[in-house]
């Protein structure tokens, strides 16, 4: 008789970002463009993803700090919308993301209108960051309990396992999906559904709600609907 392998528990972790000043700032679009090649990768990470972990930042129609500054600082709504349309999840690495950002800013500068040399109402301060991870001590190994465990996890934990998990994985898989793989065909459908969720088009709260709903529907009866 074949011995059944033991279920590996899911260990919930949390992460936090420590902001670090780079000393680099910009008050014009040209200064912003000139600074992009110089800033560290952790600054790109902070300005595209960090806002999701900043609870004091109100929900914005723009998805990253560059787009928000283009709107509120420069008053360039067209540029803000173009920058906000950047989906960093679709880039293979931060260097590729940097290139896309440079291309958009360069194209805007080439237009040569008032905005290209206008001084913004507020400076853009480039912030780098250091990421820390913590073990929460929470564990689960039962499929039926997993949706509730995710639902009751903190925003920092959800961010680490779903959004940052996809960025860390070479295959672009979140930590939840990777854990569910050990159950084979029982979780094949829910894993496929999770893979189709765009992790950057919603606020962190909205995204968590979507994922919890998918898990509740897919695992409420042992992985069947």
Foldseek 3Di string as FASTA:
>chain_A
DDDDDDADKDFFKFKDKDKDFPVQKAFALVSVLVCLVPDDLQLVVCFQPVVLVVVVDDDDPARGNVLVCCCQWLVNNVLSVVVSPDQCLPDLGSVVVSVVVSVSSVVVLVVVDPRRGDGTPDMGTRIGIDMDMGGPPDIDRALQCVLVVLVPDDLRRVCVQQVVQLNPDSVSAGNVLVSCCVVPPLQPVLSVVSVPDRPRNDRSVVVSVVNSVSSCQQRNPPRHD
